[in-house]
Amino acid sequence: MDLIHNLGIGFETALSLQNVLYALLGVVLGTLIGVLPGLGPVATIAMLLPSIYSLDATPALIMLAGIYYGAQYGGSTTAILINVPGESASVVTAIDGYQMARQGRAGPALAAAGLGSFFAGTCATLVVAAFAPPLTELAFKFGPAEYFSLMVLGLIGAVVLASGSLIKAIAMIILGLLIGQINTDVISGVPRYSFDIPELTDGIGFVAIAMGVFGFGEIIANLGRPAEHREVFTKDVKGLWPTKADFKAAFPSVLRGTALGSILGTLPGGGALLSSFATYTMEKKLAGASGIFGKGDIRGVAGPESANNAGAQTSFIPMLTLGIPPNPVMALMVGAMTIKGIQPGPQVMSSNPTLFWGLIASMWVGNLMLIVLNLPLIGIWIKLLTVPYRFLFPAILTFCCIGLYTINNSNFDVYISVIFGFVGYLFYKLGCEPAPLLLGFILGPMMEENLRRALLLSRGDWSTFVTRPLSAGLLIASALMIVVVALPSIKAKRQEAFSAEGD
C-alpha cells in the first residue's frame, strides 16, 4: 500500500503542467541528441547544467532524466537508417538494424526498437519504485566506514566494467582522484595544488571538466573524422508495424533484455552501454545456428534496445538511494542535485518525497511521450541529419561557452573547459574511456571525507573498516571482483564481450 501511496504522490507531482512540459522538453531534446551523431546525453546534460540554476529542483531533474532515456530512443533511429549510432549504447543496434533497413524492413526494425524500449522502460521504472525504498532503509545503516567501502567497490566496479584496457581505466580513475584533490582542505583550511591561482582554491568546476572532456572533446574528435557518405533509407520507412512472426521472435528477446538491463543498470560502470552489449552477446549465443545475427535479425534490435532503456532507468537506483553515481550521466545528475542544494543519498526520499517520487513517476510519463512522438517524427530527424556538421559545431561551441561563463560570470571556467577539451581529444586518440575519470573526480573528495571521518570516530584505528560487518562485506566484494577479473578465462570473456564496441 505504501508503494501505491508513494506513486500517487509521484504522479500528482509529475502530471503538473510545469513538470509535464519539462518532461516533454527533456525527451524531445534527448531524442534529438540521440539522433545527432557525436552528441551524447553526457555532453548535452553537461551543457545544460548552467541552465538549471533558474529552475526548481524537481522540473530540472525531470528534464535532465528525460534527456538521458530519450537519447536511448533517438540513438536507435540513425543506427538503423544510416548505420550511424547516434548514441554509444546503440552501436550493437546498428549491426542488425541497418541490415534490416537495407532489406526494406526499416519500419519493423524501428517499431521493434521503440516498442521494446517502451516495455523495458515501463518495467524498469517499476523496479526503481519497488527497490528504492528498501535500499534507502539499508543506506541509513551506513556510517563513514561503510560509505568509504561502498565507494571503493564503486571505483573498482567502474574499472572492471569499463570497456577497453584495464590499465587505461585504472589510469583514468587515478587521474580523476588526483584532480579531485585540487581544493582547500576542509580540516586545516590550507589550499591544495592550487599553485597560487585563486580560482583553484575552490577546486575545478565539475561542469567545466564534464563539458570539456565530453562536449569540446567530442566536437574536436568529430572534426577530425572524414565526412562519410552513407545511404539513408528514408524511403523504406513504411509499414511500421512488425509481422506476427516478428513479434513472436522479438518478444522473448525484449523480456531477456529488460531483465538483464535492469540488473546491469544498477552496477558501477553499468547503465545503458554495458546492458546493450551484454544482451546482444547473450542473444547471439542463445540463437546459435538458427540466428541470422549480423544479417538482419530482429532479435539483435529488440533485445539490446530493451536492455539499454532498462539499464538507463535502473541506473537511477544507486544514485537516488546511496548517492553513488554508477555512470557518467548519473555523476552529472549528482552534480545537478548538488547545484540545487540537495545532498544525494538516502535522506532524499524522506526530506524531498515529492522530488523523489515525482522523478520516478515522470519516467512513465516520459516513456509514454517517447513512443507517441518518436515514430511520427522519424522524417524530421532524418532531415536534421542532412545539416552539415560545419554548421552545427560552431552553434554548439557558442552555447557551451555562454553556459560555462554564466555559472560564475568568470572566463576561468571557459579556459579550464577548453584545456579539458584538448585533454578529452587526447583520450580519444589514445583509446582511453573518459567516464572513469569523471567517476573518480566525483567520488574522490567524498571518499577522502568519509575515510577521515571514519578514522576520527575510531581514533585512528584502521581496523574499523573490517570490524564493521557491512563495511567488511563491501571490501570483500571489492577484493573478489579484482580476483575474478584477473582470472585468465574471465579476462578473455571480458575482452570478447566488449570487442563488438570496436567493430
Protein backbone atom coordinates (compact mmCIF):
# COMPACT_ATOMS: atom_id res chain seq x y z
CA MET A 1 0.00 0.00 0.00
CA ASP A 2 2.91 2.31 0.75
CA LEU A 3 4.14 1.88 -2.81
CA ILE A 4 0.71 2.86 -4.24
CA HIS A 5 0.52 5.87 -1.90
CA ASN A 6 4.06 6.97 -2.84
CA LEU A 7 3.38 6.57 -6.56
CA GLY A 8 0.20 8.62 -6.06
CA ILE A 9 2.38 11.46 -4.69
CA GLY A 10 4.75 10.95 -7.63
CA PHE A 11 2.07 11.11 -10.34
CA GLU A 12 0.46 14.14 -8.69
CA THR A 13 3.86 15.88 -8.97
CA ALA A 14 4.81 14.55 -12.42
CA LEU A 15 1.45 15.40 -14.01
CA SER A 16 1.50 19.09 -13.02
CA LEU A 17 1.57 21.26 -16.15
CA GLN A 18 5.10 22.62 -15.49
CA ASN A 19 6.61 19.15 -14.92
CA VAL A 20 4.83 17.63 -17.95
CA LEU A 21 6.24 20.43 -20.14
CA TYR A 22 9.77 19.93 -18.80
CA ALA A 23 9.48 16.14 -19.25
CA LEU A 24 8.36 16.76 -22.86
CA LEU A 25 11.27 19.18 -23.41
CA GLY A 26 13.69 16.62 -21.96
CA VAL A 27 12.53 13.65 -24.07
CA VAL A 28 12.36 15.68 -27.31
CA LEU A 29 15.82 17.14 -26.67
CA GLY A 30 17.11 13.68 -25.66
CA THR A 31 15.76 12.12 -28.88
CA LEU A 32 17.32 14.92 -30.93
CA ILE A 33 20.66 14.39 -29.16
CA GLY A 34 20.41 10.63 -29.72
CA VAL A 35 19.77 11.20 -33.42
CA LEU A 36 22.72 13.59 -33.95
CA PRO A 37 25.95 11.54 -34.10
CA GLY A 38 28.71 12.66 -31.76
CA LEU A 39 26.44 14.36 -29.21
CA GLY A 40 25.59 12.01 -26.36
CA PRO A 41 23.49 12.62 -23.22
CA VAL A 42 26.65 13.26 -21.16
CA ALA A 43 27.75 16.20 -23.32
CA THR A 44 24.19 17.58 -23.53
CA ILE A 45 23.45 17.39 -19.80
CA ALA A 46 26.88 18.93 -19.11
CA MET A 47 26.00 21.81 -21.48
CA LEU A 48 22.57 22.31 -19.85
CA LEU A 49 23.73 22.26 -16.21
CA PRO A 50 24.15 26.06 -16.11
CA SER A 51 20.52 26.50 -17.25
CA ILE A 52 19.06 24.70 -14.21
CA TYR A 53 20.13 27.46 -11.78
CA SER A 54 16.89 29.34 -12.51
CA LEU A 55 14.67 26.21 -12.26
CA ASP A 56 13.19 24.44 -9.24
CA ALA A 57 14.89 21.12 -8.41
CA THR A 58 12.01 18.81 -9.48
CA PRO A 59 11.43 20.12 -13.06
CA ALA A 60 15.21 20.47 -13.54
CA LEU A 61 15.88 16.80 -12.67
CA ILE A 62 12.81 15.59 -14.61
CA MET A 63 14.13 17.40 -17.72
CA LEU A 64 17.70 16.01 -17.33
CA ALA A 65 16.37 12.47 -16.76
CA GLY A 66 14.19 12.81 -19.89
CA ILE A 67 17.28 13.74 -21.92
CA TYR A 68 19.04 10.57 -20.72
CA TYR A 69 16.39 7.98 -21.56
CA GLY A 70 15.21 9.98 -24.61
CA ALA A 71 18.73 9.68 -26.06
CA GLN A 72 18.46 5.87 -25.88
CA TYR A 73 15.41 6.05 -28.22
CA GLY A 74 16.95 8.56 -30.64
CA GLY A 75 20.23 6.69 -30.97
CA SER A 76 18.45 3.69 -32.50
CA THR A 77 16.88 5.75 -35.33
CA THR A 78 20.16 6.71 -37.00
CA ALA A 79 21.74 3.34 -36.12
CA ILE A 80 19.01 1.57 -38.13
CA LEU A 81 18.57 4.04 -41.00
CA ILE A 82 22.12 5.19 -41.79
CA ASN A 83 24.36 2.85 -39.76
CA VAL A 84 25.50 5.75 -37.55
CA PRO A 85 24.85 5.06 -33.86
CA GLY A 86 23.69 8.44 -32.54
CA GLU A 87 24.40 7.19 -29.01
CA SER A 88 27.11 4.76 -27.84
CA ALA A 89 24.55 2.28 -26.45
CA SER A 90 23.10 1.94 -29.99
CA VAL A 91 26.34 0.59 -31.52
CA VAL A 92 25.09 -3.02 -31.48
CA THR A 93 21.62 -2.00 -32.71
CA ALA A 94 23.28 -0.78 -35.92
CA ILE A 95 24.65 -4.26 -36.71
CA ASP A 96 21.27 -5.91 -37.45
CA GLY A 97 19.07 -2.81 -37.66
CA TYR A 98 20.97 -1.38 -40.63
CA GLN A 99 20.83 -4.75 -42.44
CA MET A 100 17.05 -4.85 -41.89
CA ALA A 101 16.81 -1.33 -43.40
CA ARG A 102 18.81 -2.47 -46.45
CA GLN A 103 16.30 -5.30 -46.90
CA GLY A 104 13.41 -2.76 -46.87
CA ARG A 105 12.43 -3.64 -43.29
CA ALA A 106 13.39 -0.34 -41.63
CA GLY A 107 9.79 0.06 -40.34
CA PRO A 108 9.65 -3.18 -38.30
CA ALA A 109 13.20 -2.53 -37.02
CA LEU A 110 12.27 0.97 -35.77
CA ALA A 111 8.99 -0.31 -34.29
CA ALA A 112 10.77 -3.18 -32.51
CA ALA A 113 13.27 -0.70 -31.07
CA GLY A 114 10.54 1.74 -29.98
CA LEU A 115 8.10 -0.81 -28.52
CA GLY A 116 10.92 -2.77 -26.85
CA SER A 117 12.26 0.41 -25.29
CA PHE A 118 8.79 1.41 -24.05
CA PHE A 119 8.12 -2.01 -22.46
CA ALA A 120 11.58 -2.09 -20.85
CA GLY A 121 11.33 1.49 -19.62
CA THR A 122 7.94 0.80 -18.02
CA CYS A 123 9.14 -2.38 -16.28
CA ALA A 124 12.42 -0.82 -15.15
CA THR A 125 10.59 2.17 -13.63
CA LEU A 126 8.50 -0.30 -11.61
CA VAL A 127 11.77 -1.93 -10.44
CA VAL A 128 13.08 1.51 -9.37
CA ALA A 129 9.84 2.25 -7.46
CA ALA A 130 9.84 -1.16 -5.73
CA PHE A 131 13.53 -1.46 -4.81
CA ALA A 132 14.44 2.14 -3.97
CA PRO A 133 12.67 2.26 -0.53
CA PRO A 134 14.27 -0.92 0.96
CA LEU A 135 17.68 0.16 -0.36
CA THR A 136 17.17 3.57 1.24
CA GLU A 137 16.36 1.87 4.57
CA LEU A 138 19.61 -0.11 4.26
CA ALA A 139 21.52 3.08 3.41
CA PHE A 140 20.50 4.63 6.76
CA LYS A 141 22.62 1.94 8.44
CA PHE A 142 25.70 3.23 6.61
CA GLY A 143 28.31 5.15 8.59
CA PRO A 144 31.51 6.80 7.25
CA ALA A 145 33.35 3.42 7.14
CA GLU A 146 30.54 1.80 5.09
CA TYR A 147 30.35 4.74 2.69
CA PHE A 148 34.12 4.61 2.14
CA SER A 149 33.99 0.86 1.42
CA LEU A 150 31.00 1.32 -0.90
CA MET A 151 32.91 3.95 -2.90
CA VAL A 152 35.94 1.66 -3.13
CA LEU A 153 33.58 -1.02 -4.55
CA GLY A 154 32.12 1.57 -6.94
CA LEU A 155 35.53 2.60 -8.30
CA ILE A 156 36.73 -1.00 -8.68
CA GLY A 157 33.43 -1.87 -10.40
CA ALA A 158 33.89 1.07 -12.78
CA VAL A 159 37.36 -0.25 -13.71
CA VAL A 160 36.22 -3.86 -14.13
CA LEU A 161 33.17 -2.96 -16.24
CA ALA A 162 34.82 -0.21 -18.32
CA SER A 163 35.27 -1.19 -21.96
CA GLY A 164 38.82 -1.39 -23.28
CA SER A 165 42.08 -1.75 -21.41
CA LEU A 166 42.00 -2.28 -17.63
CA ILE A 167 45.28 -0.35 -17.25
CA LYS A 168 43.81 2.67 -19.06
CA ALA A 169 40.64 2.52 -16.92
CA ILE A 170 42.75 2.44 -13.71
CA ALA A 171 44.82 5.38 -15.01
CA MET A 172 41.61 7.35 -15.68
CA ILE A 173 40.28 6.64 -12.16
CA ILE A 174 43.58 7.73 -10.55
CA LEU A 175 43.70 10.90 -12.68
CA GLY A 176 40.11 11.71 -11.61
CA LEU A 177 41.01 11.15 -7.94
CA LEU A 178 44.05 13.43 -8.28
CA ILE A 179 42.08 16.24 -9.99
CA GLY A 180 39.53 15.95 -7.17
CA GLN A 181 42.30 16.82 -4.68
CA ILE A 182 42.67 20.35 -6.13
CA ASN A 183 40.76 22.34 -3.48
CA THR A 184 41.04 23.72 0.05
CA ASP A 185 41.48 21.13 2.80
CA VAL A 186 38.29 21.17 4.91
CA ILE A 187 40.05 20.48 8.22
CA SER A 188 43.21 22.61 8.02
CA GLY A 189 41.85 25.27 5.60
CA VAL A 190 45.06 25.08 3.52
CA PRO A 191 44.76 25.28 -0.31
CA ARG A 192 45.99 22.10 -2.04
CA TYR A 193 47.60 22.02 -5.50
CA SER A 194 46.18 25.45 -6.34
CA PHE A 195 49.60 26.81 -7.50
CA ASP A 196 48.65 30.24 -6.08
CA ILE A 197 45.78 30.55 -8.58
CA PRO A 198 42.86 31.97 -6.53
CA GLU A 199 40.17 30.30 -8.71
CA LEU A 200 41.62 26.83 -7.95
CA THR A 201 41.25 27.16 -4.17
CA ASP A 202 37.58 26.11 -4.51
CA GLY A 203 38.54 23.26 -6.83
CA ILE A 204 37.99 22.76 -10.56
CA GLY A 205 34.33 23.05 -11.51
CA PHE A 206 32.57 19.77 -12.27
CA VAL A 207 30.66 21.32 -15.20
CA ALA A 208 33.89 22.67 -16.73
CA ILE A 209 35.52 19.21 -16.71
CA ALA A 210 32.41 17.37 -17.97
CA MET A 211 31.75 19.88 -20.74
CA GLY A 212 35.42 19.96 -21.75
CA VAL A 213 36.06 16.21 -21.87
CA PHE A 214 32.69 15.15 -23.29
CA GLY A 215 31.46 18.27 -25.13
CA PHE A 216 34.51 20.03 -26.58
CA GLY A 217 36.47 16.75 -26.80
CA GLU A 218 33.69 15.11 -28.87
CA ILE A 219 33.49 18.14 -31.20
CA ILE A 220 37.26 18.09 -31.86
CA ALA A 221 37.13 14.31 -32.41
CA ASN A 222 34.20 14.67 -34.86
CA LEU A 223 36.01 17.38 -36.82
CA GLY A 224 38.97 15.00 -37.15
CA ARG A 225 36.86 12.28 -38.79
CA PRO A 226 36.37 12.23 -42.60
CA ALA A 227 32.85 13.08 -43.80
CA GLU A 228 31.41 9.76 -44.94
CA HIS A 229 28.53 9.49 -47.37
CA ARG A 230 26.06 6.92 -46.15
CA GLU A 231 22.82 5.64 -47.58
CA VAL A 232 19.71 6.98 -45.83
CA PHE A 233 16.75 4.59 -46.01
CA THR A 234 14.02 7.19 -45.52
CA LYS A 235 12.00 5.89 -48.46
CA ASP A 236 11.76 2.46 -46.90
CA VAL A 237 10.18 3.67 -43.64
CA LYS A 238 6.70 2.35 -44.26
CA GLY A 239 4.65 -0.46 -42.83
CA LEU A 240 5.89 0.33 -39.32
CA TRP A 241 4.01 -2.49 -37.60
CA PRO A 242 6.02 -5.74 -37.27
CA THR A 243 4.51 -9.02 -38.51
CA LYS A 244 3.25 -11.80 -36.21
CA ALA A 245 6.49 -13.70 -36.82
CA ASP A 246 8.49 -10.59 -35.84
CA PHE A 247 6.52 -10.26 -32.60
CA LYS A 248 6.98 -13.95 -31.83
CA ALA A 249 10.75 -13.73 -32.40
CA ALA A 250 11.29 -10.37 -30.68
CA PHE A 251 9.15 -10.67 -27.52
CA PRO A 252 11.37 -13.21 -25.65
CA SER A 253 14.39 -11.04 -26.53
CA VAL A 254 12.61 -7.97 -25.12
CA LEU A 255 11.90 -9.85 -21.85
CA ARG A 256 15.51 -11.06 -21.54
CA GLY A 257 16.89 -7.64 -22.46
CA THR A 258 14.63 -5.93 -19.88
CA ALA A 259 15.70 -8.35 -17.12
CA LEU A 260 19.43 -8.17 -17.89
CA GLY A 261 19.37 -4.39 -18.42
CA SER A 262 17.52 -3.83 -15.12
CA ILE A 263 20.24 -5.75 -13.23
CA LEU A 264 23.29 -4.34 -15.05
CA GLY A 265 21.99 -0.76 -14.86
CA THR A 266 22.49 -0.72 -11.09
CA LEU A 267 26.15 -1.79 -11.27
CA PRO A 268 29.00 0.76 -11.06
CA GLY A 269 30.13 1.49 -14.61
CA GLY A 270 26.89 -0.05 -15.87
CA GLY A 271 23.87 1.64 -17.38
CA ALA A 272 22.74 1.59 -20.99
CA LEU A 273 26.07 0.83 -22.70
CA LEU A 274 27.02 -2.33 -20.79
CA SER A 275 23.41 -3.59 -20.86
CA SER A 276 23.10 -3.37 -24.67
CA PHE A 277 26.45 -5.10 -25.37
CA ALA A 278 25.84 -7.89 -22.83
CA THR A 279 22.32 -8.53 -24.19
CA TYR A 280 23.48 -8.66 -27.82
CA THR A 281 26.19 -11.19 -26.86
CA MET A 282 23.61 -13.28 -24.94
CA GLU A 283 21.02 -13.18 -27.76
CA LYS A 284 23.63 -14.19 -30.33
CA LYS A 285 24.68 -17.20 -28.22
CA LEU A 286 21.06 -18.24 -27.49
CA ALA A 287 20.13 -18.04 -31.19
CA GLY A 288 23.06 -20.27 -32.20
CA ALA A 289 22.76 -21.69 -35.70
CA SER A 290 19.10 -20.61 -36.00
CA GLY A 291 20.03 -16.90 -35.85
CA ILE A 292 20.91 -14.61 -38.73
CA PHE A 293 22.76 -12.20 -36.47
CA GLY A 294 24.68 -9.57 -38.42
CA LYS A 295 22.38 -10.08 -41.43
CA GLY A 296 19.15 -8.50 -40.16
CA ASP A 297 17.86 -10.48 -37.15
CA ILE A 298 15.08 -8.58 -35.35
CA ARG A 299 16.24 -10.09 -32.04
CA GLY A 300 19.51 -8.19 -32.48
CA VAL A 301 17.48 -4.95 -32.44
CA ALA A 302 14.74 -5.70 -29.88
CA GLY A 303 17.00 -7.22 -27.18
CA PRO A 304 19.74 -4.55 -26.96
CA GLU A 305 17.25 -1.66 -27.32
CA SER A 306 15.15 -3.03 -24.43
CA ALA A 307 18.29 -3.56 -22.36
CA ASN A 308 19.74 -0.10 -22.89
CA ASN A 309 16.47 1.58 -21.87
CA ALA A 310 16.05 -0.64 -18.81
CA GLY A 311 19.70 -0.01 -17.84
CA ALA A 312 19.23 3.75 -18.26
CA GLN A 313 16.25 3.74 -15.84
CA THR A 314 17.66 1.42 -13.12
CA SER A 315 20.95 3.34 -13.01
CA PHE A 316 18.92 5.91 -11.02
CA ILE A 317 18.64 3.41 -8.09
CA PRO A 318 22.19 3.72 -6.64
CA MET A 319 22.25 7.46 -7.41
CA LEU A 320 18.95 8.20 -5.62
CA THR A 321 19.32 5.78 -2.68
CA LEU A 322 23.06 5.81 -1.92
CA GLY A 323 24.26 8.99 -3.63
CA ILE A 324 26.71 6.86 -5.66
CA PRO A 325 26.66 7.53 -9.44
CA PRO A 326 27.05 4.27 -11.42
CA ASN A 327 27.88 6.03 -14.71
CA PRO A 328 28.85 9.48 -16.07
CA VAL A 329 25.24 10.61 -16.67
CA MET A 330 24.34 9.80 -13.07
CA ALA A 331 27.50 11.64 -11.98
CA LEU A 332 26.10 14.69 -13.78
CA MET A 333 22.73 14.16 -12.06
CA VAL A 334 24.55 14.15 -8.69
CA GLY A 335 26.19 17.42 -9.80
CA ALA A 336 22.75 18.83 -10.70
CA MET A 337 21.32 17.85 -7.29
CA THR A 338 24.29 19.49 -5.55
CA ILE A 339 23.75 22.68 -7.60
CA LYS A 340 20.15 22.74 -6.33
CA GLY A 341 21.32 22.30 -2.71
CA ILE A 342 20.16 18.67 -2.40
CA GLN A 343 22.53 16.16 -0.81
CA PRO A 344 22.23 12.93 -2.89
CA GLY A 345 21.71 9.87 -0.71
CA PRO A 346 19.16 8.07 1.48
CA GLN A 347 17.75 11.26 3.02
CA VAL A 348 16.37 12.44 -0.36
CA MET A 349 13.33 10.16 -0.04
CA SER A 350 12.39 11.39 3.45
CA SER A 351 13.35 15.08 3.04
CA ASN A 352 12.14 15.53 -0.59
CA PRO A 353 9.43 12.88 -1.21
CA THR A 354 7.77 14.95 -3.97
CA LEU A 355 11.12 15.21 -5.82
CA PHE A 356 11.99 11.53 -5.32
CA TRP A 357 8.63 10.04 -6.34
CA GLY A 358 7.91 12.78 -8.89
CA LEU A 359 11.13 11.89 -10.72
CA ILE A 360 10.22 8.17 -10.75
CA ALA A 361 6.63 8.82 -11.95
CA SER A 362 7.93 11.20 -14.65
CA MET A 363 9.82 8.25 -16.21
CA TRP A 364 6.49 6.58 -17.04
CA VAL A 365 5.12 9.84 -18.42
CA GLY A 366 8.33 10.37 -20.44
CA ASN A 367 8.33 6.83 -21.88
CA LEU A 368 4.71 7.24 -22.99
CA MET A 369 5.58 10.57 -24.66
CA LEU A 370 8.52 8.93 -26.45
CA ILE A 371 6.52 6.11 -28.01
CA VAL A 372 3.78 8.56 -29.15
CA LEU A 373 6.28 11.13 -30.51
CA ASN A 374 9.08 9.06 -31.94
CA LEU A 375 7.57 7.12 -34.82
CA PRO A 376 5.77 10.15 -36.40
CA LEU A 377 8.92 12.30 -36.03
CA ILE A 378 11.29 9.97 -37.92
CA GLY A 379 11.11 12.11 -41.08
CA ILE A 380 12.14 15.27 -39.16
CA TRP A 381 15.11 13.51 -37.51
CA ILE A 382 16.31 12.34 -40.92
CA LYS A 383 16.18 15.89 -42.33
CA LEU A 384 18.31 17.04 -39.38
CA LEU A 385 20.96 14.50 -40.34
CA THR A 386 21.46 16.29 -43.65
CA VAL A 387 22.65 19.52 -41.89
CA PRO A 388 26.44 19.68 -42.44
CA TYR A 389 28.47 19.34 -39.25
CA ARG A 390 30.40 22.53 -40.10
CA PHE A 391 27.19 24.49 -39.35
CA LEU A 392 26.31 22.52 -36.23
CA PHE A 393 29.58 22.66 -34.28
CA PRO A 394 30.01 26.49 -34.08
CA ALA A 395 26.47 26.77 -32.63
CA ILE A 396 27.20 24.02 -30.08
CA LEU A 397 30.51 25.67 -29.10
CA THR A 398 28.84 29.08 -28.67
CA PHE A 399 26.12 27.70 -26.37
CA CYS A 400 28.74 25.76 -24.37
CA CYS A 401 30.86 28.89 -23.78
CA ILE A 402 27.83 31.03 -22.83
CA GLY A 403 26.68 28.34 -20.37
CA LEU A 404 30.15 28.00 -18.83
CA TYR A 405 30.57 31.75 -18.42
CA THR A 406 27.19 32.19 -16.71
CA ILE A 407 27.98 29.66 -13.92
CA ASN A 408 30.30 32.07 -12.05
CA ASN A 409 30.41 35.00 -14.51
CA SER A 410 34.06 34.07 -14.99
CA ASN A 411 36.22 33.42 -18.03
CA PHE A 412 38.29 30.99 -15.96
CA ASP A 413 35.67 28.19 -16.29
CA VAL A 414 35.73 28.62 -20.09
CA TYR A 415 39.56 28.39 -20.18
CA ILE A 416 39.55 25.27 -17.96
CA SER A 417 36.91 23.63 -20.16
CA VAL A 418 38.91 24.37 -23.33
CA ILE A 419 42.00 22.78 -21.73
CA PHE A 420 39.96 19.70 -20.81
CA GLY A 421 38.54 19.67 -24.36
CA PHE A 422 42.05 19.03 -25.70
CA VAL A 423 42.62 16.50 -22.89
CA GLY A 424 39.38 14.74 -23.95
CA TYR A 425 40.56 14.64 -27.58
CA LEU A 426 43.89 13.19 -26.38
CA PHE A 427 41.95 10.47 -24.51
CA TYR A 428 40.02 9.74 -27.73
CA LYS A 429 43.26 9.37 -29.74
CA LEU A 430 44.83 7.16 -27.05
CA GLY A 431 41.72 4.98 -26.81
CA CYS A 432 41.05 5.93 -23.16
CA GLU A 433 37.46 5.95 -21.95
CA PRO A 434 36.94 9.24 -20.02
CA ALA A 435 33.95 8.01 -17.97
CA PRO A 436 36.07 6.55 -15.10
CA LEU A 437 37.85 9.93 -14.79
CA LEU A 438 34.53 11.64 -14.07
CA LEU A 439 33.56 8.98 -11.51
CA GLY A 440 36.98 9.31 -9.82
CA PHE A 441 36.61 13.10 -9.72
CA ILE A 442 33.11 12.88 -8.16
CA LEU A 443 33.85 10.07 -5.68
CA GLY A 444 37.43 11.15 -4.70
CA PRO A 445 36.55 14.03 -2.34
CA MET A 446 33.63 12.01 -0.89
CA MET A 447 35.93 9.02 -0.29
CA GLU A 448 38.53 11.22 1.42
CA GLU A 449 35.90 12.87 3.64
CA ASN A 450 34.42 9.52 4.73
CA LEU A 451 37.88 7.99 5.27
CA ARG A 452 38.88 10.84 7.56
CA ARG A 453 35.56 10.83 9.40
CA ALA A 454 35.77 7.07 9.97
CA LEU A 455 39.33 7.38 11.33
CA LEU A 456 38.36 10.32 13.58
CA LEU A 457 35.45 8.34 15.04
CA SER A 458 37.66 5.26 15.60
CA ARG A 459 40.54 7.42 16.95
CA GLY A 460 42.86 6.40 14.15
CA ASP A 461 42.06 2.67 14.29
CA TRP A 462 42.14 1.32 10.69
CA SER A 463 40.53 -1.96 11.78
CA THR A 464 37.15 -0.15 11.87
CA PHE A 465 36.83 -0.87 8.13
CA VAL A 466 36.97 -4.65 8.66
CA THR A 467 35.31 -5.00 12.07
CA ARG A 468 32.02 -3.39 10.96
CA PRO A 469 30.08 -6.15 9.08
CA LEU A 470 28.65 -4.02 6.23
CA SER A 471 31.99 -2.33 5.56
CA ALA A 472 33.88 -5.65 5.68
CA GLY A 473 31.35 -7.23 3.28
CA LEU A 474 31.78 -4.41 0.74
CA LEU A 475 35.59 -4.63 0.92
CA ILE A 476 35.44 -8.44 0.47
CA ALA A 477 33.20 -7.91 -2.59
CA SER A 478 35.77 -5.43 -3.96
CA ALA A 479 38.61 -7.92 -3.43
CA LEU A 480 36.60 -10.74 -5.06
CA MET A 481 35.88 -8.50 -8.07
CA ILE A 482 39.63 -7.91 -8.54
CA VAL A 483 40.42 -11.65 -8.16
CA VAL A 484 37.65 -12.71 -10.59
CA VAL A 485 38.60 -10.23 -13.31
CA ALA A 486 42.26 -11.28 -13.01
CA LEU A 487 41.40 -14.93 -13.87
CA PRO A 488 42.57 -15.69 -17.45
CA SER A 489 39.22 -17.17 -18.60
CA ILE A 490 37.21 -14.22 -17.26
CA LYS A 491 39.71 -11.76 -18.74
CA ALA A 492 39.30 -13.35 -22.18
CA LYS A 493 35.48 -13.31 -21.88
CA ARG A 494 35.56 -9.61 -20.83
CA GLN A 495 37.61 -8.71 -23.93
CA GLU A 496 35.22 -10.71 -26.13
CA ALA A 497 32.15 -9.00 -24.61
CA PHE A 498 33.49 -5.53 -25.40
CA SER A 499 35.05 -6.41 -28.76
CA ALA A 500 31.76 -5.58 -30.54
CA GLU A 501 32.18 -1.95 -29.45
CA GLY A 502 35.25 -1.59 -31.57
CA ASP A 503 33.63 -3.15 -34.64
